[in-house]
N, C-alpha and C. Protein backbone atom coordinates (compact mmCIF):
# COMPACT_ATOMS: atom_id res chain seq x y z
N MET A 1 -16.53 -16.75 37.35
CA MET A 1 -15.20 -17.31 37.49
C MET A 1 -15.27 -18.85 37.55
N LYS A 2 -16.30 -19.37 38.27
CA LYS A 2 -16.47 -20.81 38.38
C LYS A 2 -16.70 -21.43 37.00
N ASN A 3 -17.50 -20.74 36.18
CA ASN A 3 -17.81 -21.26 34.84
C ASN A 3 -16.56 -21.39 33.99
N ILE A 4 -15.64 -20.44 34.12
CA ILE A 4 -14.39 -20.48 33.35
C ILE A 4 -13.57 -21.70 33.77
N ALA A 5 -13.51 -21.96 35.05
CA ALA A 5 -12.75 -23.11 35.55
C ALA A 5 -13.37 -24.41 35.05
N ILE A 6 -14.68 -24.49 35.03
CA ILE A 6 -15.36 -25.70 34.55
C ILE A 6 -15.10 -25.89 33.07
N ILE A 7 -15.20 -24.82 32.30
CA ILE A 7 -14.95 -24.90 30.85
C ILE A 7 -13.51 -25.32 30.59
N ALA A 8 -12.56 -24.77 31.34
CA ALA A 8 -11.15 -25.13 31.16
C ALA A 8 -10.92 -26.60 31.48
N ALA A 9 -11.58 -27.08 32.54
CA ALA A 9 -11.42 -28.49 32.92
C ALA A 9 -12.01 -29.40 31.85
N LEU A 10 -13.17 -29.05 31.32
CA LEU A 10 -13.78 -29.85 30.26
C LEU A 10 -12.94 -29.85 29.00
N ALA A 11 -12.36 -28.70 28.67
CA ALA A 11 -11.48 -28.62 27.49
C ALA A 11 -10.26 -29.50 27.67
N ALA A 12 -9.69 -29.49 28.86
CA ALA A 12 -8.52 -30.34 29.13
C ALA A 12 -8.87 -31.81 28.99
N LEU A 13 -10.04 -32.20 29.48
CA LEU A 13 -10.48 -33.59 29.34
C LEU A 13 -10.70 -33.96 27.89
N ALA A 14 -11.28 -33.05 27.13
CA ALA A 14 -11.52 -33.32 25.72
C ALA A 14 -10.21 -33.50 24.97
N ILE A 15 -9.23 -32.67 25.27
CA ILE A 15 -7.93 -32.78 24.60
C ILE A 15 -7.25 -34.08 25.00
N ALA A 16 -7.29 -34.40 26.28
CA ALA A 16 -6.66 -35.64 26.77
C ALA A 16 -7.32 -36.86 26.17
N GLY A 17 -8.59 -36.77 25.84
CA GLY A 17 -9.32 -37.91 25.29
C GLY A 17 -9.11 -38.11 23.82
N CYS A 18 -8.45 -37.16 23.15
CA CYS A 18 -8.22 -37.29 21.72
C CYS A 18 -7.19 -38.38 21.45
N GLY A 19 -7.29 -38.99 20.31
CA GLY A 19 -6.34 -40.03 19.94
C GLY A 19 -7.03 -41.11 19.16
N ASN A 20 -6.26 -42.02 18.64
CA ASN A 20 -6.78 -43.10 17.81
C ASN A 20 -7.29 -44.20 18.71
N LYS A 21 -8.59 -44.40 18.72
CA LYS A 21 -9.19 -45.50 19.48
C LYS A 21 -9.87 -46.45 18.52
N GLY A 22 -9.17 -46.81 17.48
CA GLY A 22 -9.71 -47.71 16.47
C GLY A 22 -9.82 -49.11 17.01
N GLU A 23 -10.14 -50.03 16.12
CA GLU A 23 -10.32 -51.42 16.51
C GLU A 23 -9.06 -51.96 17.18
N GLY A 24 -9.24 -52.58 18.32
CA GLY A 24 -8.12 -53.15 19.04
C GLY A 24 -7.41 -52.16 19.94
N ALA A 25 -7.86 -50.91 19.96
CA ALA A 25 -7.21 -49.90 20.78
C ALA A 25 -7.47 -50.18 22.26
N ALA A 26 -6.49 -49.87 23.07
CA ALA A 26 -6.62 -50.09 24.51
C ALA A 26 -7.54 -49.06 25.12
N ASN A 27 -8.28 -49.48 26.12
CA ASN A 27 -9.11 -48.58 26.89
C ASN A 27 -8.27 -48.15 28.08
N THR A 28 -7.77 -46.92 28.06
CA THR A 28 -6.91 -46.44 29.12
C THR A 28 -7.60 -45.40 29.98
N GLU A 29 -8.91 -45.28 29.87
CA GLU A 29 -9.65 -44.31 30.66
C GLU A 29 -9.57 -44.69 32.13
N THR A 30 -9.37 -43.70 32.97
CA THR A 30 -9.27 -43.92 34.39
C THR A 30 -10.63 -43.63 35.03
N PRO A 31 -11.12 -44.52 35.87
CA PRO A 31 -12.41 -44.28 36.51
C PRO A 31 -12.30 -43.13 37.51
N ALA A 32 -13.45 -42.62 37.94
CA ALA A 32 -13.49 -41.51 38.87
C ALA A 32 -12.94 -41.90 40.24
N THR A 33 -12.96 -43.17 40.58
CA THR A 33 -12.44 -43.62 41.86
C THR A 33 -10.95 -43.90 41.72
N THR A 34 -10.29 -44.18 42.84
CA THR A 34 -8.87 -44.49 42.82
C THR A 34 -8.61 -45.98 42.70
N THR A 35 -9.65 -46.79 42.56
CA THR A 35 -9.50 -48.21 42.41
C THR A 35 -8.86 -48.50 41.05
N PRO A 36 -7.72 -49.21 41.03
CA PRO A 36 -7.10 -49.50 39.74
C PRO A 36 -7.98 -50.43 38.91
N VAL A 37 -7.97 -50.22 37.62
CA VAL A 37 -8.75 -51.03 36.70
C VAL A 37 -7.81 -51.57 35.63
N ALA A 38 -7.95 -52.86 35.32
CA ALA A 38 -7.09 -53.49 34.33
C ALA A 38 -7.35 -52.92 32.94
N MET A 39 -6.32 -52.92 32.13
CA MET A 39 -6.45 -52.46 30.76
C MET A 39 -7.33 -53.44 29.99
N SER A 40 -8.21 -52.90 29.18
CA SER A 40 -9.07 -53.72 28.34
C SER A 40 -8.94 -53.25 26.91
N TYR A 41 -9.41 -54.07 26.01
CA TYR A 41 -9.36 -53.77 24.58
C TYR A 41 -10.76 -53.93 24.01
N ASP A 42 -10.99 -53.34 22.85
CA ASP A 42 -12.27 -53.54 22.18
C ASP A 42 -12.53 -55.03 22.07
N GLN A 43 -13.78 -55.44 22.27
CA GLN A 43 -14.11 -56.86 22.24
C GLN A 43 -13.65 -57.47 20.91
N GLY A 44 -12.89 -58.54 21.01
CA GLY A 44 -12.37 -59.22 19.82
C GLY A 44 -11.14 -58.55 19.23
N GLY A 45 -10.66 -57.48 19.86
CA GLY A 45 -9.54 -56.71 19.32
C GLY A 45 -8.18 -57.35 19.53
N LYS A 46 -8.08 -58.34 20.38
CA LYS A 46 -6.81 -59.02 20.64
C LYS A 46 -7.02 -60.51 20.60
N LYS A 47 -5.97 -61.21 20.19
CA LYS A 47 -6.02 -62.67 20.18
C LYS A 47 -4.67 -63.21 20.62
N VAL A 48 -4.62 -64.50 20.91
CA VAL A 48 -3.37 -65.15 21.32
C VAL A 48 -2.32 -64.90 20.24
N GLY A 49 -1.14 -64.51 20.68
CA GLY A 49 -0.04 -64.22 19.77
C GLY A 49 0.17 -62.73 19.53
N ASP A 50 -0.87 -61.92 19.77
CA ASP A 50 -0.73 -60.46 19.66
C ASP A 50 0.11 -59.95 20.83
N LYS A 51 0.40 -58.67 20.83
CA LYS A 51 1.05 -58.00 21.97
C LYS A 51 -0.03 -57.30 22.78
N GLY A 52 0.09 -57.33 24.10
CA GLY A 52 -0.88 -56.67 24.96
C GLY A 52 -0.38 -56.60 26.39
N VAL A 53 -1.19 -55.99 27.25
CA VAL A 53 -0.85 -55.83 28.67
C VAL A 53 -1.72 -56.77 29.48
N CYS A 54 -1.10 -57.65 30.23
CA CYS A 54 -1.81 -58.62 31.06
C CYS A 54 -2.65 -57.88 32.11
N ALA A 55 -3.94 -58.17 32.13
CA ALA A 55 -4.87 -57.51 33.05
C ALA A 55 -4.51 -57.77 34.51
N VAL A 56 -4.10 -58.98 34.83
CA VAL A 56 -3.79 -59.33 36.22
C VAL A 56 -2.45 -58.73 36.63
N CYS A 57 -1.45 -58.82 35.77
CA CYS A 57 -0.13 -58.25 36.10
C CYS A 57 -0.23 -56.74 36.32
N MET A 58 -1.08 -56.08 35.55
CA MET A 58 -1.24 -54.63 35.69
C MET A 58 -1.72 -54.27 37.09
N ILE A 59 -2.68 -55.01 37.61
CA ILE A 59 -3.21 -54.72 38.94
C ILE A 59 -2.21 -55.15 40.01
N LYS A 60 -1.58 -56.29 39.84
CA LYS A 60 -0.59 -56.76 40.82
C LYS A 60 0.58 -55.79 40.93
N ASP A 61 1.05 -55.29 39.77
CA ASP A 61 2.21 -54.40 39.76
C ASP A 61 1.85 -52.96 40.13
N GLY A 62 0.57 -52.62 40.01
CA GLY A 62 0.15 -51.26 40.32
C GLY A 62 0.54 -50.24 39.27
N LYS A 63 0.93 -50.71 38.10
CA LYS A 63 1.30 -49.82 37.00
C LYS A 63 1.09 -50.57 35.70
N THR A 64 1.21 -49.88 34.60
CA THR A 64 1.04 -50.52 33.30
C THR A 64 2.38 -51.12 32.88
N PRO A 65 2.48 -52.45 32.87
CA PRO A 65 3.73 -53.08 32.44
C PRO A 65 3.88 -52.99 30.92
N ALA A 66 5.05 -53.32 30.43
CA ALA A 66 5.29 -53.33 28.99
C ALA A 66 4.41 -54.39 28.33
N GLU A 67 4.07 -54.14 27.08
CA GLU A 67 3.31 -55.14 26.33
C GLU A 67 4.16 -56.39 26.15
N GLU A 68 3.49 -57.53 26.13
CA GLU A 68 4.16 -58.80 25.90
C GLU A 68 3.24 -59.69 25.07
N GLU A 69 3.74 -60.84 24.68
CA GLU A 69 2.92 -61.74 23.87
C GLU A 69 1.72 -62.24 24.66
N VAL A 70 0.56 -62.15 24.06
CA VAL A 70 -0.67 -62.61 24.69
C VAL A 70 -0.72 -64.14 24.61
N LYS A 71 -0.91 -64.77 25.77
CA LYS A 71 -1.00 -66.23 25.84
C LYS A 71 -2.43 -66.72 26.05
N ALA A 72 -3.31 -65.82 26.55
CA ALA A 72 -4.72 -66.18 26.78
C ALA A 72 -5.56 -64.91 26.69
N VAL A 73 -6.80 -65.06 26.24
CA VAL A 73 -7.72 -63.92 26.14
C VAL A 73 -9.07 -64.30 26.75
N LEU A 74 -9.82 -63.29 27.16
CA LEU A 74 -11.15 -63.50 27.72
C LEU A 74 -12.00 -62.29 27.40
N ASP A 75 -13.18 -62.53 26.83
CA ASP A 75 -14.15 -61.46 26.63
C ASP A 75 -15.02 -61.42 27.86
N TYR A 76 -15.12 -60.23 28.47
CA TYR A 76 -15.89 -60.06 29.70
C TYR A 76 -16.49 -58.66 29.70
N GLY A 77 -17.77 -58.56 29.90
CA GLY A 77 -18.43 -57.27 29.99
C GLY A 77 -18.29 -56.41 28.74
N GLY A 78 -18.24 -57.04 27.58
CA GLY A 78 -18.14 -56.29 26.34
C GLY A 78 -16.74 -55.83 25.99
N LYS A 79 -15.75 -56.27 26.74
CA LYS A 79 -14.35 -55.92 26.50
C LYS A 79 -13.52 -57.19 26.42
N THR A 80 -12.35 -57.10 25.83
CA THR A 80 -11.41 -58.21 25.80
C THR A 80 -10.27 -57.92 26.76
N TYR A 81 -9.96 -58.88 27.59
CA TYR A 81 -8.83 -58.81 28.52
C TYR A 81 -7.81 -59.84 28.08
N VAL A 82 -6.53 -59.50 28.19
CA VAL A 82 -5.48 -60.42 27.76
C VAL A 82 -4.60 -60.78 28.95
N PHE A 83 -3.94 -61.93 28.82
CA PHE A 83 -3.17 -62.48 29.93
C PHE A 83 -1.85 -63.06 29.43
N CYS A 84 -0.85 -63.04 30.31
CA CYS A 84 0.47 -63.57 29.95
C CYS A 84 0.56 -65.08 30.14
N ASN A 85 -0.45 -65.67 30.82
CA ASN A 85 -0.50 -67.13 30.96
C ASN A 85 -1.89 -67.55 31.43
N ASP A 86 -2.15 -68.85 31.39
CA ASP A 86 -3.47 -69.36 31.77
C ASP A 86 -3.77 -69.20 33.26
N ALA A 87 -2.73 -69.20 34.10
CA ALA A 87 -2.93 -69.02 35.54
C ALA A 87 -3.47 -67.62 35.84
N GLU A 88 -2.96 -66.62 35.14
CA GLU A 88 -3.44 -65.24 35.34
C GLU A 88 -4.89 -65.13 34.86
N LYS A 89 -5.23 -65.80 33.77
CA LYS A 89 -6.61 -65.80 33.27
C LYS A 89 -7.52 -66.43 34.32
N ALA A 90 -7.11 -67.55 34.91
CA ALA A 90 -7.91 -68.23 35.93
C ALA A 90 -8.09 -67.33 37.15
N GLU A 91 -7.06 -66.59 37.52
CA GLU A 91 -7.16 -65.68 38.66
C GLU A 91 -8.18 -64.58 38.36
N PHE A 92 -8.17 -64.04 37.16
CA PHE A 92 -9.13 -63.03 36.74
C PHE A 92 -10.56 -63.57 36.82
N ILE A 93 -10.75 -64.78 36.29
CA ILE A 93 -12.07 -65.41 36.28
C ILE A 93 -12.59 -65.63 37.70
N SER A 94 -11.70 -65.92 38.64
CA SER A 94 -12.13 -66.19 40.02
C SER A 94 -12.70 -64.95 40.71
N ASP A 95 -12.30 -63.75 40.26
CA ASP A 95 -12.80 -62.52 40.88
C ASP A 95 -12.66 -61.35 39.90
N PRO A 96 -13.44 -61.34 38.83
CA PRO A 96 -13.28 -60.31 37.79
C PRO A 96 -13.47 -58.88 38.30
N LYS A 97 -14.33 -58.68 39.30
CA LYS A 97 -14.55 -57.31 39.80
C LYS A 97 -13.30 -56.72 40.43
N LYS A 98 -12.42 -57.57 40.89
CA LYS A 98 -11.15 -57.11 41.44
C LYS A 98 -10.33 -56.40 40.36
N TYR A 99 -10.54 -56.78 39.12
CA TYR A 99 -9.75 -56.26 38.01
C TYR A 99 -10.48 -55.22 37.16
N VAL A 100 -11.80 -55.31 37.08
CA VAL A 100 -12.56 -54.39 36.22
C VAL A 100 -13.30 -53.33 37.02
N GLY A 101 -13.26 -53.39 38.33
CA GLY A 101 -13.97 -52.43 39.15
C GLY A 101 -15.37 -52.91 39.48
N LYS A 102 -16.02 -52.18 40.30
CA LYS A 102 -17.35 -52.58 40.77
C LYS A 102 -18.42 -52.24 39.76
């Protein structure tokens, strides 16, 4: 019976993980912990002027805000993070683990 539950859980995860994760796609995977993690994009997948979700605003608001025009970008840890202004980018740089997890 335990094996059936494990197989069902793995199948649900596989189905939930399906989707287009092409170049520039957002990384929306949730870590195993309850610590919120900022949305990231494939490295180089976003640039100033594109639409995206500000990494700092996402953590401050505790939810995924609507996409807006990207005003600043930063490549960190093999991912690209986008920001709605330079002040938010500076805040991210001051303590990146607060936004990307431990």
